[in-house]
Amino acid sequence: MKKNYIFKFILFLIPATAFVLMSSSGGRDDGRTGSPGDGGQTCTACHSGGSFGASLSITTDIPAGGYEANKEYNITVTNSSSASAHGFQLTAEKSSDNSKVGTFAAGSGSRVSGSRITHSSDGQSSWSFKWTAPATAVGNVKFYAASVAANNNGGTSGDQVVTASTGDFSVLGISKENLLDFAMYPNPSKDFLTVQLPSGSAKATVRVFDLSGRELKTATISSNTDKVNVANLSTGVYLLKVDSEGKIGSKQFIKQ
């Protein structure tokens, strides 16, 4: 009877192990970037024992002077190694409290998983994608990444894990001449927000963000005073950003 239990356990273990390996080859959804916000966790608990001379780099086109709120930037993660397979995961965090900030858009060989971006297959060693900065100034932002250089043997042994992080990127303010002064009411709001543009302005793009910088809604208004439907939003605090004729303005509102 005991041998029968052992045999059944082995039969269970084989597909379970295969599932874990297949999941990792297509990227992880749990936090493994090595960042403070992810508890410093990487994939070293499973992948270890390899030596491929791996080194990891994170490059961006964010200017040295800092990032602009709600602007899109290019990021590239590269694992330089002699391994035959690779994977990665990257996240962006607010330096002051390690909360996740901004949103990602996947490129070739990558996919977005919540507040992180990861590989979608293990066939490349460099990944380029986009990051959109938070809609509101959140202070300094830092990027963290972890990557696996793997021997592609179908298991987790003989692999090497490397990590990298950037320095702090500060936020650039909006110049006074590019600042849009608009009115918004009622606040708090339950169903609709009325947006009133400055005199002479009749068209604008309106976006709603949560406080982590995630875009939840976008709309176009085509008159000086128009309404934005916020009825589907959950109760909480949000940021309304208005772009009109090259000028930008933003205000917080409460959804009841």
Protein backbone atom coordinates (compact mmCIF):
# COMPACT_ATOMS: atom_id res chain seq x y z
CA MET A 1 0.00 0.00 0.00
CA LYS A 2 2.83 2.41 0.88
CA LYS A 3 4.48 1.82 -2.51
CA ASN A 4 1.17 2.59 -4.21
CA TYR A 5 0.96 5.98 -2.41
CA ILE A 6 4.51 6.82 -3.47
CA PHE A 7 3.72 5.93 -7.08
CA LYS A 8 0.60 8.14 -7.05
CA PHE A 9 2.59 11.03 -5.57
CA ILE A 10 5.19 10.74 -8.33
CA LEU A 11 2.45 10.74 -10.96
CA PHE A 12 1.08 13.94 -9.41
CA LEU A 13 4.50 15.54 -9.13
CA ILE A 14 5.44 15.09 -12.80
CA PRO A 15 2.66 17.28 -14.32
CA ALA A 16 2.93 19.78 -11.46
CA THR A 17 6.65 20.22 -12.09
CA ALA A 18 6.08 20.47 -15.83
CA PHE A 19 3.48 23.18 -15.24
CA VAL A 20 5.92 25.25 -13.18
CA LEU A 21 8.62 24.96 -15.85
CA MET A 22 6.21 25.83 -18.66
CA SER A 23 4.94 28.84 -16.69
CA SER A 24 8.46 30.16 -16.14
CA SER A 25 9.33 29.83 -19.83
CA GLY A 26 6.45 32.20 -20.55
CA GLY A 27 7.22 34.60 -17.71
CA ARG A 28 6.21 34.84 -14.05
CA ASP A 29 3.20 36.73 -12.72
CA ASP A 30 4.33 36.96 -9.10
CA GLY A 31 6.93 39.54 -8.11
CA ARG A 32 10.47 38.31 -8.88
CA THR A 33 12.26 41.54 -9.84
CA GLY A 34 14.39 41.73 -6.69
CA SER A 35 12.89 45.14 -5.90
CA PRO A 36 12.05 46.32 -2.37
CA GLY A 37 8.38 46.34 -3.31
CA ASP A 38 8.66 42.69 -4.34
CA GLY A 39 10.38 41.80 -1.07
CA GLY A 40 13.73 41.33 -2.79
CA GLN A 41 12.46 38.09 -4.34
CA THR A 42 14.03 36.72 -7.54
CA CYS A 43 14.04 33.28 -9.16
CA THR A 44 17.10 32.04 -7.22
CA ALA A 45 14.89 29.76 -5.11
CA CYS A 46 14.44 27.54 -8.19
CA HIS A 47 17.08 28.55 -10.75
CA SER A 48 20.66 28.16 -9.56
CA GLY A 49 24.00 26.46 -10.11
CA GLY A 50 24.78 27.84 -13.56
CA SER A 51 27.68 30.00 -14.68
CA PHE A 52 27.26 31.78 -18.01
CA GLY A 53 29.10 35.02 -17.29
CA ALA A 54 25.72 36.75 -17.28
CA SER A 55 25.33 40.48 -16.74
CA LEU A 56 22.09 42.46 -16.82
CA SER A 57 21.52 46.02 -18.01
CA ILE A 58 18.54 48.39 -18.05
CA THR A 59 18.66 51.27 -20.55
CA THR A 60 16.05 54.00 -21.06
CA ASP A 61 15.58 57.18 -23.07
CA ILE A 62 14.49 59.10 -19.98
CA PRO A 63 16.57 62.30 -19.98
CA ALA A 64 19.10 62.86 -17.22
CA GLY A 65 16.99 65.81 -16.09
CA GLY A 66 14.06 63.54 -15.28
CA TYR A 67 10.78 62.19 -16.64
CA GLU A 68 7.64 64.08 -17.60
CA ALA A 69 4.32 63.06 -16.11
CA ASN A 70 2.22 60.83 -18.40
CA LYS A 71 4.92 60.68 -21.09
CA GLU A 72 5.88 57.41 -22.78
CA TYR A 73 9.49 56.22 -22.68
CA ASN A 74 11.45 53.33 -24.20
CA ILE A 75 13.14 50.75 -21.98
CA THR A 76 15.44 47.89 -22.95
CA VAL A 77 16.53 45.02 -20.70
CA THR A 78 19.51 42.97 -21.92
CA ASN A 79 21.00 39.80 -20.45
CA SER A 80 24.50 39.37 -21.88
CA SER A 81 25.47 35.74 -21.40
CA SER A 82 26.48 32.55 -23.18
CA ALA A 83 23.26 30.76 -22.18
CA SER A 84 20.82 29.33 -24.72
CA ALA A 85 17.64 30.64 -23.08
CA HIS A 86 16.73 33.73 -21.09
CA GLY A 87 13.88 35.34 -19.19
CA PHE A 88 13.30 38.56 -17.27
CA GLN A 89 10.93 40.58 -15.14
CA LEU A 90 11.00 44.35 -14.52
CA THR A 91 9.03 46.81 -12.42
CA ALA A 92 9.02 50.55 -11.64
CA GLU A 93 8.72 51.81 -8.08
CA LYS A 94 8.37 55.11 -6.30
CA SER A 95 11.65 55.56 -4.44
CA SER A 96 10.12 57.00 -1.27
CA ASP A 97 7.78 54.10 -0.44
CA ASN A 98 8.43 51.38 -3.09
CA SER A 99 4.88 51.55 -4.45
CA LYS A 100 4.40 50.56 -8.10
CA VAL A 101 4.13 53.45 -10.55
CA GLY A 102 3.43 53.96 -14.25
CA THR A 103 2.18 51.49 -16.83
CA PHE A 104 3.91 49.19 -19.31
CA ALA A 105 3.21 48.34 -22.95
CA ALA A 106 4.72 45.08 -24.18
CA GLY A 107 7.10 44.75 -27.10
CA SER A 108 8.42 41.72 -28.97
CA GLY A 109 8.85 38.72 -26.69
CA SER A 110 7.32 40.36 -23.62
CA ARG A 111 3.97 40.66 -21.87
CA VAL A 112 2.52 42.86 -19.15
CA SER A 113 1.54 41.26 -15.86
CA GLY A 114 -0.10 43.83 -13.59
CA SER A 115 2.53 46.27 -12.37
CA ARG A 116 5.37 44.31 -13.96
CA ILE A 117 6.54 43.28 -17.42
CA THR A 118 8.05 39.88 -18.18
CA HIS A 119 9.13 37.66 -21.08
CA SER A 120 6.52 35.76 -23.08
CA SER A 121 8.99 33.17 -24.40
CA ASP A 122 12.61 32.25 -23.69
CA GLY A 123 13.96 32.68 -27.21
CA GLN A 124 15.67 36.08 -26.85
CA SER A 125 18.05 37.80 -24.45
CA SER A 126 17.06 41.45 -24.99
CA TRP A 127 13.61 42.97 -24.66
CA SER A 128 12.43 46.45 -25.63
CA PHE A 129 9.11 47.86 -24.45
CA LYS A 130 7.46 51.09 -23.30
CA TRP A 131 6.74 52.64 -19.92
CA THR A 132 4.33 55.52 -19.40
CA ALA A 133 5.13 57.72 -16.43
CA PRO A 134 2.45 58.38 -13.81
CA ALA A 135 -0.06 61.07 -14.70
CA THR A 136 0.80 63.03 -11.58
CA ALA A 137 4.16 63.91 -10.07
CA VAL A 138 5.02 61.11 -7.63
CA GLY A 139 8.65 61.99 -7.02
CA ASN A 140 11.68 59.87 -7.84
CA VAL A 141 11.18 56.59 -9.72
CA LYS A 142 13.54 53.62 -9.95
CA PHE A 143 13.49 50.51 -12.17
CA TYR A 144 14.37 47.01 -10.96
CA ALA A 145 14.87 43.85 -13.01
CA ALA A 146 15.90 40.23 -12.57
CA SER A 147 16.81 37.82 -15.35
CA VAL A 148 17.56 34.13 -15.76
CA ALA A 149 20.28 32.77 -18.04
CA ALA A 150 19.20 29.16 -18.53
CA ASN A 151 20.75 26.01 -19.99
CA ASN A 152 17.36 25.07 -21.49
CA ASN A 153 17.49 21.51 -20.16
CA GLY A 154 13.83 21.52 -19.13
CA GLY A 155 14.69 21.83 -15.43
CA THR A 156 15.73 24.56 -13.03
CA SER A 157 19.25 23.41 -12.20
CA GLY A 158 22.31 24.81 -13.94
CA ASP A 159 20.80 28.28 -14.45
CA GLN A 160 22.13 31.71 -13.42
CA VAL A 161 20.07 34.60 -12.01
CA VAL A 162 21.26 38.20 -12.29
CA THR A 163 19.69 41.48 -11.16
CA ALA A 164 20.00 45.16 -12.06
CA SER A 165 18.50 48.50 -11.08
CA THR A 166 18.69 52.06 -12.32
CA GLY A 167 19.41 55.21 -10.40
CA ASP A 168 16.59 57.48 -9.32
CA PHE A 169 14.77 59.38 -12.07
CA SER A 170 13.32 62.66 -10.83
CA VAL A 171 10.14 64.22 -12.19
CA LEU A 172 10.06 67.31 -14.38
CA GLY A 173 7.35 69.88 -13.73
CA ILE A 174 5.11 71.47 -16.37
CA SER A 175 6.12 74.98 -17.39
CA LYS A 176 3.65 77.75 -16.53
CA GLU A 177 2.94 78.56 -20.18
CA ASN A 178 1.95 74.91 -20.81
CA LEU A 179 -0.28 74.62 -17.75
CA LEU A 180 -4.02 74.37 -18.47
CA ASP A 181 -6.32 76.05 -15.97
CA PHE A 182 -9.72 74.36 -16.07
CA ALA A 183 -12.71 73.97 -13.76
CA MET A 184 -14.14 70.64 -12.60
CA TYR A 185 -17.34 70.00 -10.62
CA PRO A 186 -19.02 68.60 -8.62
CA ASN A 187 -16.32 67.20 -6.38
CA PRO A 188 -17.05 64.69 -4.87
CA SER A 189 -18.92 63.23 -7.83
CA LYS A 190 -21.18 60.22 -8.21
CA ASP A 191 -22.09 59.88 -11.90
CA PHE A 192 -20.76 62.78 -13.99
CA LEU A 193 -17.94 65.31 -13.75
CA THR A 194 -18.42 68.61 -15.55
CA VAL A 195 -15.22 69.92 -17.15
CA GLN A 196 -15.09 73.61 -18.07
CA LEU A 197 -12.22 74.69 -20.32
CA PRO A 198 -10.73 78.19 -20.39
CA SER A 199 -12.41 80.75 -22.61
CA GLY A 200 -11.54 80.12 -26.26
CA SER A 201 -10.88 76.40 -25.78
CA ALA A 202 -13.46 74.04 -27.20
CA LYS A 203 -11.81 70.63 -27.51
CA ALA A 204 -9.76 68.46 -25.16
CA THR A 205 -8.77 64.91 -24.32
CA VAL A 206 -9.71 63.87 -20.80
CA ARG A 207 -8.09 60.93 -19.00
CA VAL A 208 -8.83 59.43 -15.61
CA PHE A 209 -6.06 57.76 -13.60
CA ASP A 210 -5.85 56.02 -10.26
CA LEU A 211 -3.22 57.26 -7.82
CA SER A 212 -0.68 54.66 -9.00
CA GLY A 213 -0.76 56.23 -12.48
CA ARG A 214 -2.87 53.54 -14.18
CA GLU A 215 -5.14 54.96 -16.88
CA LEU A 216 -8.75 53.88 -16.37
CA LYS A 217 -10.74 56.00 -18.80
CA THR A 218 -10.25 58.35 -21.73
CA ALA A 219 -12.76 60.64 -23.41
CA THR A 220 -12.89 63.56 -25.84
CA ILE A 221 -14.87 66.71 -25.09
CA SER A 222 -15.80 68.98 -27.98
CA SER A 223 -17.26 72.02 -26.27
CA ASN A 224 -16.11 74.56 -23.72
CA THR A 225 -18.17 72.83 -21.02
CA ASP A 226 -18.85 69.11 -21.18
CA LYS A 227 -19.52 66.11 -18.93
CA VAL A 228 -17.41 63.01 -18.28
CA ASN A 229 -19.12 59.82 -17.12
CA VAL A 230 -17.43 58.42 -14.00
CA ALA A 231 -20.31 56.23 -12.81
CA ASN A 232 -18.43 52.97 -13.43
CA LEU A 233 -15.47 53.92 -11.24
CA SER A 234 -15.15 52.41 -7.77
CA THR A 235 -15.38 54.67 -4.76
CA GLY A 236 -12.06 56.42 -4.17
CA VAL A 237 -9.70 59.21 -5.17
CA TYR A 238 -8.71 59.70 -8.82
CA LEU A 239 -6.77 62.09 -11.00
CA LEU A 240 -8.41 63.85 -13.96
CA LYS A 241 -5.95 65.00 -16.62
CA VAL A 242 -7.01 67.37 -19.41
CA ASP A 243 -4.98 68.01 -22.60
CA SER A 244 -6.10 70.91 -24.77
CA GLU A 245 -4.20 72.62 -27.59
CA GLY A 246 -0.76 71.74 -26.22
CA LYS A 247 -1.57 72.62 -22.63
CA ILE A 248 -1.97 70.15 -19.77
CA GLY A 249 -3.81 70.37 -16.46
CA SER A 250 -4.71 67.86 -13.78
CA LYS A 251 -6.85 67.76 -10.64
CA GLN A 252 -7.87 65.14 -8.12
CA PHE A 253 -11.49 64.23 -7.53
CA ILE A 254 -13.39 61.93 -5.22
CA LYS A 255 -15.75 59.30 -6.63
CA GLN A 256 -18.63 58.57 -4.28
